Amino acid sequence: LLENGLVEEGWLIHLLASKFRIPNKYWSSKLEQFSNLMLKSRYLILPFCIILVLGIVLLLIQASLKLFHLFLSISEISNTEVLIGLFGIIDIALLANILLLIALSGYDSFISRLNGSDNNILALDALDGLTLAKVKLKLLGSMIVISAIGLLSTFLSADFNADFNQTAYLQVAIHLVLSISAVLLAFSDKLDKS
């Protein structure tokens, strides 16, 4: 409304001053304090970013343990079991990528622009121009790949009984919902740009 000229700047201060018969200066200082408080509240995102990075450390430990277990049991397991174990490590890597994407985009969007040497900044070109819609698409894309890997693992380790059918149908339904959601989100983002 300010941009269209329908409302003057400081209209809220004038409204409050006339309604409560308190001088404009008082309301002006209170609104300025409130604005500063709201601006500083963005730092509450920082602990979440740190927690997500620590979560990546936990995922690294879990992936290392899975790989170590695969090495120890390589002579006792089949090729299919090795493949399923590797798919589990890929799932963990994709989850770590999701956590890093959320942590970096949250930090970059709300706390501070990422700064550093030219080499570090070049490595973060993927974050350049990262909008909320792009983050959602990247997250959905990763979730679809994780879902597909889980589905493939289910089929590779199948013993084709009644429980398998129920599990497989559920995983296929989840995969389809994620895929359709990604298509709809991309379509709505395209409509929003035009």
Protein backbone atom coordinates (compact mmCIF):
# COMPACT_ATOMS: atom_id res chain seq x y z
CA LEU A 1 0.00 0.00 0.00
CA LEU A 2 2.92 2.33 0.66
CA GLU A 3 4.29 1.72 -2.83
CA ASN A 4 0.94 2.54 -4.45
CA GLY A 5 0.57 5.75 -2.45
CA LEU A 6 -2.61 4.57 -0.73
CA VAL A 7 -1.13 4.87 2.76
CA GLU A 8 1.33 7.43 4.08
CA GLU A 9 4.50 6.37 5.84
CA GLY A 10 4.03 6.49 9.61
CA TRP A 11 0.27 5.93 9.39
CA LEU A 12 0.33 3.45 12.27
CA ILE A 13 2.03 5.95 14.57
CA HIS A 14 -0.59 8.62 13.74
CA LEU A 15 -3.40 6.13 14.31
CA LEU A 16 -2.05 5.02 17.69
CA ALA A 17 -1.33 8.59 18.77
CA SER A 18 -4.85 9.76 17.94
CA LYS A 19 -6.55 6.68 19.41
CA PHE A 20 -4.71 6.64 22.75
CA ARG A 21 -3.88 10.36 22.99
CA ILE A 22 -0.19 9.66 23.44
CA PRO A 23 2.42 11.73 21.52
CA ASN A 24 3.78 10.47 18.20
CA LYS A 25 7.32 10.43 19.62
CA TYR A 26 6.35 7.75 22.17
CA TRP A 27 4.82 5.44 19.56
CA SER A 28 7.65 6.08 17.17
CA SER A 29 10.25 4.94 19.74
CA LYS A 30 8.15 1.86 20.68
CA LEU A 31 7.75 0.80 17.05
CA GLU A 32 11.46 1.31 16.47
CA GLN A 33 12.25 -0.90 19.48
CA PHE A 34 9.83 -3.54 18.22
CA SER A 35 11.40 -3.42 14.74
CA ASN A 36 14.86 -3.86 16.25
CA LEU A 37 13.64 -6.81 18.32
CA MET A 38 12.12 -8.47 15.25
CA LEU A 39 15.30 -7.92 13.28
CA LYS A 40 17.45 -9.43 16.05
CA SER A 41 15.16 -12.45 16.35
CA ARG A 42 16.67 -13.80 13.14
CA TYR A 43 19.66 -14.93 15.21
CA LEU A 44 17.42 -17.60 16.76
CA ILE A 45 17.95 -19.53 13.51
CA LEU A 46 21.68 -19.95 14.28
CA PRO A 47 21.31 -22.76 16.87
CA PHE A 48 19.20 -24.72 14.37
CA CYS A 49 21.92 -24.34 11.73
CA ILE A 50 24.53 -25.59 14.20
CA ILE A 51 22.32 -28.55 15.18
CA LEU A 52 21.89 -29.49 11.51
CA VAL A 53 25.67 -29.43 10.99
CA LEU A 54 26.12 -31.64 14.08
CA GLY A 55 23.49 -33.95 12.58
CA ILE A 56 25.72 -34.28 9.52
CA VAL A 57 28.55 -35.43 11.81
CA LEU A 58 26.23 -38.12 13.23
CA LEU A 59 25.33 -39.23 9.71
CA LEU A 60 29.03 -39.42 8.81
CA ILE A 61 29.63 -41.71 11.79
CA GLN A 62 26.63 -43.87 10.84
CA ALA A 63 27.76 -44.16 7.20
CA SER A 64 31.29 -45.05 8.32
CA LEU A 65 29.93 -47.79 10.61
CA LYS A 66 27.80 -49.21 7.77
CA LEU A 67 30.79 -49.27 5.45
CA PHE A 68 32.96 -50.87 8.14
CA HIS A 69 30.28 -53.53 8.69
CA LEU A 70 30.16 -54.21 4.93
CA PHE A 71 33.95 -54.67 4.85
CA LEU A 72 33.86 -57.06 7.81
CA SER A 73 31.12 -59.23 6.34
CA ILE A 74 32.09 -59.09 2.65
CA SER A 75 32.93 -62.78 2.44
CA GLU A 76 29.63 -63.83 4.06
CA ILE A 77 27.12 -61.71 2.14
CA SER A 78 25.83 -61.79 -1.44
CA ASN A 79 26.27 -59.14 -4.08
CA THR A 80 22.66 -58.05 -3.56
CA GLU A 81 23.28 -57.50 0.15
CA VAL A 82 26.39 -55.44 -0.67
CA LEU A 83 24.32 -53.37 -3.07
CA ILE A 84 21.59 -52.85 -0.47
CA GLY A 85 24.23 -51.80 2.08
CA LEU A 86 25.68 -49.31 -0.39
CA PHE A 87 22.19 -47.98 -1.10
CA GLY A 88 21.87 -47.35 2.65
CA ILE A 89 25.09 -45.31 2.55
CA ILE A 90 23.77 -43.36 -0.45
CA ASP A 91 20.58 -42.63 1.51
CA ILE A 92 22.68 -41.27 4.38
CA ALA A 93 24.73 -39.12 1.98
CA LEU A 94 21.58 -37.65 0.43
CA LEU A 95 20.16 -36.92 3.87
CA ALA A 96 23.43 -35.16 4.79
CA ASN A 97 23.11 -33.09 1.60
CA ILE A 98 19.58 -32.08 2.61
CA LEU A 99 20.73 -31.05 6.09
CA LEU A 100 23.62 -29.02 4.65
CA LEU A 101 21.36 -27.32 2.12
CA ILE A 102 18.90 -26.30 4.84
CA ALA A 103 21.66 -25.13 7.22
CA LEU A 104 23.52 -23.08 4.61
CA SER A 105 20.43 -21.54 3.05
CA GLY A 106 19.02 -20.68 6.49
CA TYR A 107 22.28 -19.07 7.57
CA ASP A 108 22.70 -17.22 4.27
CA SER A 109 19.08 -16.02 4.20
CA PHE A 110 18.54 -14.96 7.80
CA ILE A 111 21.84 -14.42 9.59
CA SER A 112 24.59 -13.26 7.28
CA ARG A 113 25.73 -13.56 3.72
CA LEU A 114 28.33 -16.30 3.44
CA ASN A 115 31.77 -14.70 3.18
CA GLY A 116 35.21 -16.16 2.78
CA SER A 117 38.08 -16.58 0.38
CA ASP A 118 37.42 -16.79 -3.35
CA ASN A 119 37.95 -20.57 -3.31
CA ASN A 120 35.30 -21.06 -0.63
CA ILE A 121 32.80 -18.78 -2.34
CA LEU A 122 33.27 -20.56 -5.68
CA ALA A 123 32.41 -23.81 -3.96
CA LEU A 124 29.10 -22.31 -2.80
CA ASP A 125 27.89 -21.15 -6.21
CA ALA A 126 24.96 -23.52 -5.82
CA LEU A 127 23.56 -21.19 -3.13
CA ASP A 128 23.68 -18.13 -5.38
CA GLY A 129 20.15 -16.91 -5.92
CA LEU A 130 18.69 -19.70 -3.81
CA THR A 131 15.06 -18.89 -3.15
CA LEU A 132 12.57 -20.67 -0.94
CA ALA A 133 10.96 -22.26 -4.01
CA LYS A 134 14.34 -23.55 -5.22
CA VAL A 135 15.14 -24.98 -1.77
CA LYS A 136 11.77 -26.76 -1.75
CA LEU A 137 12.43 -28.24 -5.20
CA LYS A 138 15.92 -29.40 -4.20
CA LEU A 139 14.55 -30.97 -1.02
CA LEU A 140 11.74 -32.71 -2.88
CA GLY A 141 14.20 -33.91 -5.52
CA SER A 142 16.44 -35.43 -2.85
CA MET A 143 13.46 -37.02 -1.12
CA ILE A 144 12.34 -38.57 -4.42
CA VAL A 145 15.81 -40.06 -4.97
CA ILE A 146 15.84 -41.40 -1.39
CA SER A 147 12.37 -42.86 -1.96
CA ALA A 148 13.48 -44.49 -5.22
CA ILE A 149 16.54 -46.01 -3.55
CA GLY A 150 14.37 -47.36 -0.73
CA LEU A 151 11.97 -48.82 -3.27
CA LEU A 152 14.83 -50.44 -5.20
CA SER A 153 16.26 -51.85 -1.96
CA THR A 154 12.85 -53.31 -1.10
CA PHE A 155 12.62 -55.05 -4.47
CA LEU A 156 16.19 -56.34 -4.27
CA SER A 157 15.65 -57.84 -0.81
CA ALA A 158 12.16 -59.14 -1.59
CA ASP A 159 10.86 -62.50 -0.50
CA PHE A 160 7.52 -61.78 -2.23
CA ASN A 161 5.07 -62.57 0.56
CA ALA A 162 1.99 -60.69 1.78
CA ASP A 163 4.07 -58.32 3.92
CA PHE A 164 6.22 -57.53 0.90
CA ASN A 165 3.16 -56.57 -1.16
CA GLN A 166 1.90 -54.21 1.52
CA THR A 167 5.34 -52.61 2.01
CA ALA A 168 5.94 -52.29 -1.72
CA TYR A 169 2.53 -50.72 -2.35
CA LEU A 170 3.08 -48.24 0.46
CA GLN A 171 6.54 -47.29 -0.82
CA VAL A 172 5.25 -46.91 -4.40
CA ALA A 173 2.42 -44.68 -3.13
CA ILE A 174 4.85 -42.51 -1.16
CA HIS A 175 7.15 -42.25 -4.18
CA LEU A 176 4.25 -41.23 -6.44
CA VAL A 177 3.01 -38.61 -3.96
CA LEU A 178 6.50 -37.11 -3.71
CA SER A 179 6.92 -37.11 -7.50
CA ILE A 180 3.53 -35.51 -8.11
CA SER A 181 4.22 -32.94 -5.39
CA ALA A 182 7.52 -32.00 -7.04
CA VAL A 183 5.85 -31.59 -10.44
CA LEU A 184 3.07 -29.45 -8.94
CA LEU A 185 5.57 -27.32 -7.00
CA ALA A 186 7.68 -26.76 -10.13
CA PHE A 187 4.55 -25.88 -12.10
CA SER A 188 3.35 -23.40 -9.46
CA ASP A 189 6.82 -21.85 -9.33
CA LYS A 190 6.77 -21.45 -13.11
CA LEU A 191 3.31 -19.83 -12.94
CA ASP A 192 4.54 -17.51 -10.20
CA LYS A 193 7.45 -16.32 -12.36
CA SER A 194 5.24 -15.53 -15.35
